[in-house]
C-alpha cells in the first residue's frame, strides 16, 4: 500500500510444502498494481521489488495498465480481447467477421432463445458435464468458490447469467458476466456438443452485445492466449490488448528446479 491507499497491490499468497508463494487466484484474470492516478513503469517496478522476500515463488498476472520497461524474461505477455460498445448495434454487427455472421444466421435459423437470470449451478453443471471433464486441476472446492462468487455478484446487482435454449427448451450454452463501472466482463461459460452445431454461444454473445449497445460499456472477453478462442472473440470485432504475467523463483538449487518442475506439471494438468 502506498500512502493513504493511493496505490495498492494485492498479494494473493499461499503455502506449498511449507514455503510461502504468490499465485493467481482462480477466476481472476488480472490483478497487479491499482492506482488513483496514472501509473508509470517505474512505479510498477517499485511495487514488484517491494514484494516481501518470504514469497519464494511468484506466478501472478498484472493488469493491462501495469507497464514495464524491463527486459526481464520473468515478465510474460498475455493476450486479452475487448470490444467497445459505444456504437449502434447495426454498426458493430457490420464489423463482425464473415464466419461470425454465418454462425449468427445459423443460430437464428435454429430457433434459439436467450434468457437471463439462469441459476449459477445450472451453468456450472453444464460446464462440468462437457469441457470440465478434461480439467483435472479443478475440483469441488474450485467450483464451490465459483458458485459463491456468482451468487454474491448477482445479489449485489453486479452479475448476470445468460442461457441459450433450443426449440425443445434444452439448455445448450450459458455464460456469466460481471459488470463493474463501464466494463462488462465475460467471466465464465459452458456449452454442450449441440451448441457447436447450432452456434449457441455466438447467439448468446450477439444477444449481450445487442442488449448493451450503444453505451459507454466495454465488453471484456477475458482472453485469450488460445488461438482458436482469440479468433472467436475477434470475430465480433474485439481488439487485442496485452497484460503481463510475472514469474519469479527465489529458491536456491535444488529446490529451484524441483519447484519449477512441479508447477510445470500442474499448469499442464
Protein backbone atom coordinates (compact mmCIF):
# COMPACT_ATOMS: atom_id res chain seq x y z
CA UNK A 1 0.00 0.00 0.00
CA UNK A 2 1.34 3.45 -0.90
CA UNK A 3 0.42 6.38 1.37
CA UNK A 4 -3.32 6.55 2.11
CA UNK A 5 -4.30 3.85 -0.42
CA UNK A 6 -3.28 6.00 -3.38
CA UNK A 7 -1.88 2.83 -4.91
CA UNK A 8 -2.33 -0.79 -3.85
CA UNK A 9 -1.16 -4.22 -4.95
CA UNK A 10 -2.99 -7.26 -3.54
CA UNK A 11 -0.67 -10.13 -2.56
CA UNK A 12 -2.58 -13.38 -3.05
CA UNK A 13 -0.41 -15.74 -1.05
CA UNK A 14 -0.48 -19.37 -0.08
CA UNK A 15 1.83 -22.10 1.20
CA UNK A 16 3.15 -25.20 -0.50
CA UNK A 17 5.49 -27.72 1.10
CA UNK A 18 5.88 -25.25 3.98
CA UNK A 19 7.00 -22.35 1.74
CA UNK A 20 5.13 -19.10 1.05
CA UNK A 21 4.32 -18.25 -2.57
CA UNK A 22 2.15 -15.89 -4.64
CA UNK A 23 -0.35 -17.30 -7.11
CA UNK A 24 -3.11 -16.05 -9.38
CA UNK A 25 -6.50 -16.88 -7.81
CA UNK A 26 -8.94 -18.88 -9.89
CA UNK A 27 -11.48 -16.78 -11.82
CA UNK A 28 -9.32 -13.64 -11.54
CA UNK A 29 -7.55 -12.87 -14.79
CA UNK A 30 -5.69 -9.70 -13.79
CA UNK A 31 -4.50 -8.13 -10.52
CA UNK A 32 -1.24 -6.23 -10.03
CA UNK A 33 -0.97 -2.55 -9.09
CA UNK A 34 -4.07 -0.33 -8.88
CA UNK A 35 -3.79 3.44 -8.65
CA UNK A 36 -5.94 6.55 -8.33
CA UNK A 37 -3.52 8.29 -10.73
CA UNK A 38 -1.70 7.30 -13.90
CA UNK A 39 0.92 4.62 -13.38
CA UNK A 40 4.46 4.83 -14.72
CA UNK A 41 6.65 1.77 -15.42
CA UNK A 42 8.97 2.86 -12.62
CA UNK A 43 6.19 2.83 -10.02
CA UNK A 44 5.04 -0.63 -11.12
CA UNK A 45 8.59 -1.98 -10.85
CA UNK A 46 8.98 -0.37 -7.40
CA UNK A 47 5.88 -2.26 -6.20
CA UNK A 48 7.20 -5.55 -7.57
CA UNK A 49 10.57 -5.04 -5.92
CA UNK A 50 8.79 -4.35 -2.62
CA UNK A 51 7.13 -7.79 -2.54
CA UNK A 52 8.39 -9.42 0.69
CA UNK A 53 11.24 -11.88 0.26
CA UNK A 54 9.36 -14.56 2.21
CA UNK A 55 7.46 -15.35 -1.00
CA UNK A 56 9.92 -17.77 -2.52
CA UNK A 57 7.92 -18.47 -5.67
CA UNK A 58 5.80 -15.94 -7.59
CA UNK A 59 3.48 -16.63 -10.52
CA UNK A 60 0.89 -13.87 -10.88
CA UNK A 61 -0.77 -11.70 -13.53
CA UNK A 62 -0.59 -7.90 -13.57
CA UNK A 63 -3.24 -5.75 -15.25
CA UNK A 64 -3.24 -4.03 -18.64
CA UNK A 65 -2.33 -0.67 -17.05
CA UNK A 66 0.84 -2.09 -15.48
CA UNK A 67 3.57 -1.33 -18.00
CA UNK A 68 7.26 -2.00 -17.51
CA UNK A 69 10.46 -1.00 -19.33
CA UNK A 70 12.29 -4.03 -18.01
CA UNK A 71 13.67 -6.68 -20.38
CA UNK A 72 13.45 -9.22 -17.55
CA UNK A 73 12.38 -12.61 -19.01
CA UNK A 74 10.26 -13.09 -15.87
CA UNK A 75 7.69 -10.76 -17.49
CA UNK A 76 5.46 -12.84 -19.77
CA UNK A 77 2.94 -11.19 -22.14
CA UNK A 78 -0.66 -12.44 -22.21
CA UNK A 79 -3.46 -11.62 -24.64
CA UNK A 80 -6.90 -10.23 -23.88
CA UNK A 81 -9.69 -9.03 -26.17
CA UNK A 82 -12.12 -6.15 -25.64
CA UNK A 83 -14.98 -4.64 -27.62
CA UNK A 84 -16.14 -1.03 -27.32
CA UNK A 85 -19.95 -0.94 -27.22
CA UNK A 86 -20.30 2.81 -27.81
CA UNK A 87 -21.63 2.40 -31.36
CA UNK A 88 -25.09 1.42 -32.51
CA UNK A 89 -25.70 -2.33 -32.73
CA UNK A 90 -26.04 -2.16 -36.52
CA UNK A 91 -22.56 -0.66 -36.82
CA UNK A 92 -20.97 -3.28 -34.55
CA UNK A 93 -22.67 -6.16 -36.39
CA UNK A 94 -21.32 -4.74 -39.64
CA UNK A 95 -17.82 -5.33 -38.32
CA UNK A 96 -18.39 -8.99 -37.49
CA UNK A 97 -16.21 -11.39 -39.44
CA UNK A 98 -17.72 -13.38 -42.30
CA UNK A 99 -17.58 -16.56 -40.22
CA UNK A 100 -19.30 -14.91 -37.22
CA UNK A 101 -22.12 -13.56 -39.41
CA UNK A 102 -22.52 -17.01 -40.94
CA UNK A 103 -22.76 -18.62 -37.49
CA UNK A 104 -25.22 -15.98 -36.32
CA UNK A 105 -27.51 -16.73 -39.27
CA UNK A 106 -27.22 -20.44 -38.49
CA UNK A 107 -28.19 -19.85 -34.85
CA UNK A 108 -31.19 -17.74 -35.85
CA UNK A 109 -32.42 -20.47 -38.19
CA UNK A 110 -32.26 -22.95 -35.32
CA UNK A 111 -34.92 -21.01 -33.39
CA UNK A 112 -32.81 -20.49 -30.28
CA UNK A 113 -33.93 -18.32 -27.37
CA UNK A 114 -31.83 -16.23 -24.98
CA UNK A 115 -32.84 -15.93 -21.33
CA UNK A 116 -31.37 -14.10 -18.31
CA UNK A 117 -31.12 -14.96 -14.63
CA UNK A 118 -30.20 -18.60 -15.09
CA UNK A 119 -29.17 -20.25 -11.81
CA UNK A 120 -25.37 -20.28 -11.33
CA UNK A 121 -25.32 -24.01 -10.52
CA UNK A 122 -27.07 -24.71 -13.84
CA UNK A 123 -24.18 -23.08 -15.73
CA UNK A 124 -21.60 -24.87 -13.58
CA UNK A 125 -23.25 -28.24 -14.21
CA UNK A 126 -23.31 -27.58 -17.96
CA UNK A 127 -19.60 -26.82 -17.89
CA UNK A 128 -18.66 -29.80 -15.70
CA UNK A 129 -20.58 -32.24 -17.90
CA UNK A 130 -18.77 -31.04 -21.00
CA UNK A 131 -15.41 -29.25 -21.12
CA UNK A 132 -14.94 -29.65 -17.37
CA UNK A 133 -14.41 -33.40 -17.81
CA UNK A 134 -10.94 -32.73 -19.21
CA UNK A 135 -9.87 -30.24 -16.49
CA UNK A 136 -8.30 -32.32 -13.74
CA UNK A 137 -6.95 -29.31 -11.82
CA UNK A 138 -10.49 -28.11 -10.98
CA UNK A 139 -12.26 -29.88 -8.13
CA UNK A 140 -15.34 -29.37 -5.95
CA UNK A 141 -13.54 -26.68 -3.94
CA UNK A 142 -12.93 -24.54 -7.04
CA UNK A 143 -16.47 -24.97 -8.33
CA UNK A 144 -17.76 -24.05 -4.87
CA UNK A 145 -15.73 -20.82 -4.95
CA UNK A 146 -17.11 -20.03 -8.40
CA UNK A 147 -20.69 -20.64 -7.26
CA UNK A 148 -20.32 -18.32 -4.26
CA UNK A 149 -18.67 -15.68 -6.42
CA UNK A 150 -21.52 -15.82 -8.92
CA UNK A 151 -24.26 -15.66 -6.28
CA UNK A 152 -22.54 -12.75 -4.48
CA UNK A 153 -22.26 -10.79 -7.74
CA UNK A 154 -25.91 -11.47 -8.63
CA UNK A 155 -27.04 -10.46 -5.13
CA UNK A 156 -25.15 -7.16 -5.39
CA UNK A 157 -26.61 -6.45 -8.82
CA UNK A 158 -23.21 -6.83 -10.46
CA UNK A 159 -23.62 -10.20 -12.13
CA UNK A 160 -25.99 -11.97 -14.51
CA UNK A 161 -26.14 -15.47 -16.00
CA UNK A 162 -27.45 -15.87 -19.55
CA UNK A 163 -28.65 -19.11 -21.12
CA UNK A 164 -29.42 -20.18 -24.68
CA UNK A 165 -32.14 -22.81 -25.15
CA UNK A 166 -33.05 -24.81 -28.25
CA UNK A 167 -36.60 -25.22 -29.55
CA UNK A 168 -37.08 -28.15 -27.15
CA UNK A 169 -36.31 -25.84 -24.20
CA UNK A 170 -32.98 -27.58 -23.56
CA UNK A 171 -30.01 -25.52 -22.35
CA UNK A 172 -27.19 -25.53 -24.93
CA UNK A 173 -24.95 -22.67 -23.77
CA UNK A 174 -24.67 -20.38 -20.78
CA UNK A 175 -22.38 -17.57 -19.64
CA UNK A 176 -21.78 -15.44 -16.56
CA UNK A 177 -20.96 -11.73 -16.84
CA UNK A 178 -19.84 -9.30 -14.15
CA UNK A 179 -20.49 -5.59 -14.58
CA UNK A 180 -18.22 -3.09 -12.89
CA UNK A 181 -18.25 0.62 -13.72
CA UNK A 182 -18.07 0.73 -17.53
CA UNK A 183 -16.82 -2.83 -18.01
CA UNK A 184 -18.85 -5.95 -18.77
CA UNK A 185 -16.63 -8.96 -18.07
CA UNK A 186 -17.24 -12.34 -19.71
CA UNK A 187 -16.07 -14.37 -16.72
CA UNK A 188 -17.25 -17.95 -17.25
CA UNK A 189 -19.19 -20.01 -19.76
CA UNK A 190 -20.28 -23.53 -20.63
CA UNK A 191 -21.67 -25.24 -23.71
CA UNK A 192 -22.58 -28.74 -24.84
CA UNK A 193 -21.98 -30.57 -28.11
CA UNK A 194 -25.23 -29.33 -29.65
CA UNK A 195 -24.06 -25.75 -29.12
CA UNK A 196 -21.22 -26.41 -31.56
CA UNK A 197 -23.73 -27.40 -34.21
CA UNK A 198 -26.27 -24.60 -33.73
CA UNK A 199 -23.79 -21.79 -32.83
CA UNK A 200 -25.49 -21.15 -29.48
CA UNK A 201 -22.51 -19.28 -27.99
CA UNK A 202 -22.39 -16.91 -30.96
CA UNK A 203 -26.12 -16.32 -30.44
CA UNK A 204 -25.53 -15.62 -26.74
CA UNK A 205 -22.69 -13.12 -27.18
CA UNK A 206 -24.50 -11.34 -30.01
CA UNK A 207 -27.56 -11.01 -27.75
CA UNK A 208 -25.46 -9.48 -24.96
CA UNK A 209 -23.88 -7.04 -27.42
CA UNK A 210 -27.30 -6.03 -28.78
CA UNK A 211 -28.64 -5.50 -25.24
CA UNK A 212 -25.79 -3.18 -24.21
CA UNK A 213 -25.38 -1.05 -27.36
CA UNK A 214 -24.99 1.81 -27.66
CA UNK A 215 -23.42 2.54 -24.29
CA UNK A 216 -20.19 3.56 -22.60
CA UNK A 217 -19.58 -0.10 -21.77
CA UNK A 218 -16.59 -2.19 -22.83
CA UNK A 219 -17.15 -5.91 -23.31
CA UNK A 220 -14.12 -7.65 -21.82
CA UNK A 221 -13.78 -11.20 -23.16
CA UNK A 222 -11.06 -12.07 -20.60
CA UNK A 223 -8.80 -13.82 -23.10
CA UNK A 224 -7.28 -15.49 -24.76
CA UNK A 225 -3.80 -16.89 -25.40
CA UNK A 226 -5.56 -19.78 -27.14
CA UNK A 227 -5.56 -19.01 -30.88
CA UNK A 228 -8.98 -20.55 -31.52
CA UNK A 229 -10.65 -18.58 -28.73
CA UNK A 230 -8.84 -15.41 -29.80
CA UNK A 231 -10.17 -15.87 -33.34
CA UNK A 232 -13.69 -16.41 -31.98
CA UNK A 233 -13.58 -13.16 -29.96
CA UNK A 234 -12.02 -11.21 -32.81
CA UNK A 235 -14.91 -12.36 -34.98
CA UNK A 236 -17.15 -9.94 -33.04
CA UNK A 237 -14.78 -7.07 -33.78
CA UNK A 238 -12.90 -7.33 -30.47
CA UNK A 239 -9.44 -5.74 -30.32
CA UNK A 240 -6.43 -7.48 -28.83
CA UNK A 241 -4.84 -5.97 -25.73
CA UNK A 242 -1.97 -7.19 -23.57
CA UNK A 243 -1.27 -7.68 -19.89
CA UNK A 244 1.87 -9.05 -18.27
CA UNK A 245 2.44 -12.09 -16.16
CA UNK A 246 5.24 -12.02 -13.59
CA UNK A 247 7.07 -15.15 -12.57
CA UNK A 248 9.99 -15.38 -10.16
CA UNK A 249 11.69 -18.29 -8.44
CA UNK A 250 13.77 -17.25 -5.41
CA UNK A 251 14.67 -20.76 -4.32
CA UNK A 252 18.26 -21.97 -4.30
CA UNK A 253 19.35 -25.15 -6.09
CA UNK A 254 17.97 -27.86 -6.00
CA UNK A 255 14.63 -26.54 -4.69
CA UNK A 256 14.51 -24.09 -7.59
CA UNK A 257 14.47 -26.91 -10.15
CA UNK A 258 12.06 -29.02 -8.11
CA UNK A 259 9.52 -26.20 -7.74
CA UNK A 260 9.78 -25.30 -11.44
CA UNK A 261 9.11 -28.91 -12.41
CA UNK A 262 6.16 -29.17 -10.02
CA UNK A 263 4.47 -26.05 -11.38
CA UNK A 264 5.16 -27.08 -14.98
CA UNK A 265 3.28 -30.34 -14.44
CA UNK A 266 0.48 -28.56 -12.53
CA UNK A 267 -0.06 -25.99 -15.31
CA UNK A 268 -0.36 -28.74 -17.93
CA UNK A 269 -2.89 -30.79 -15.95
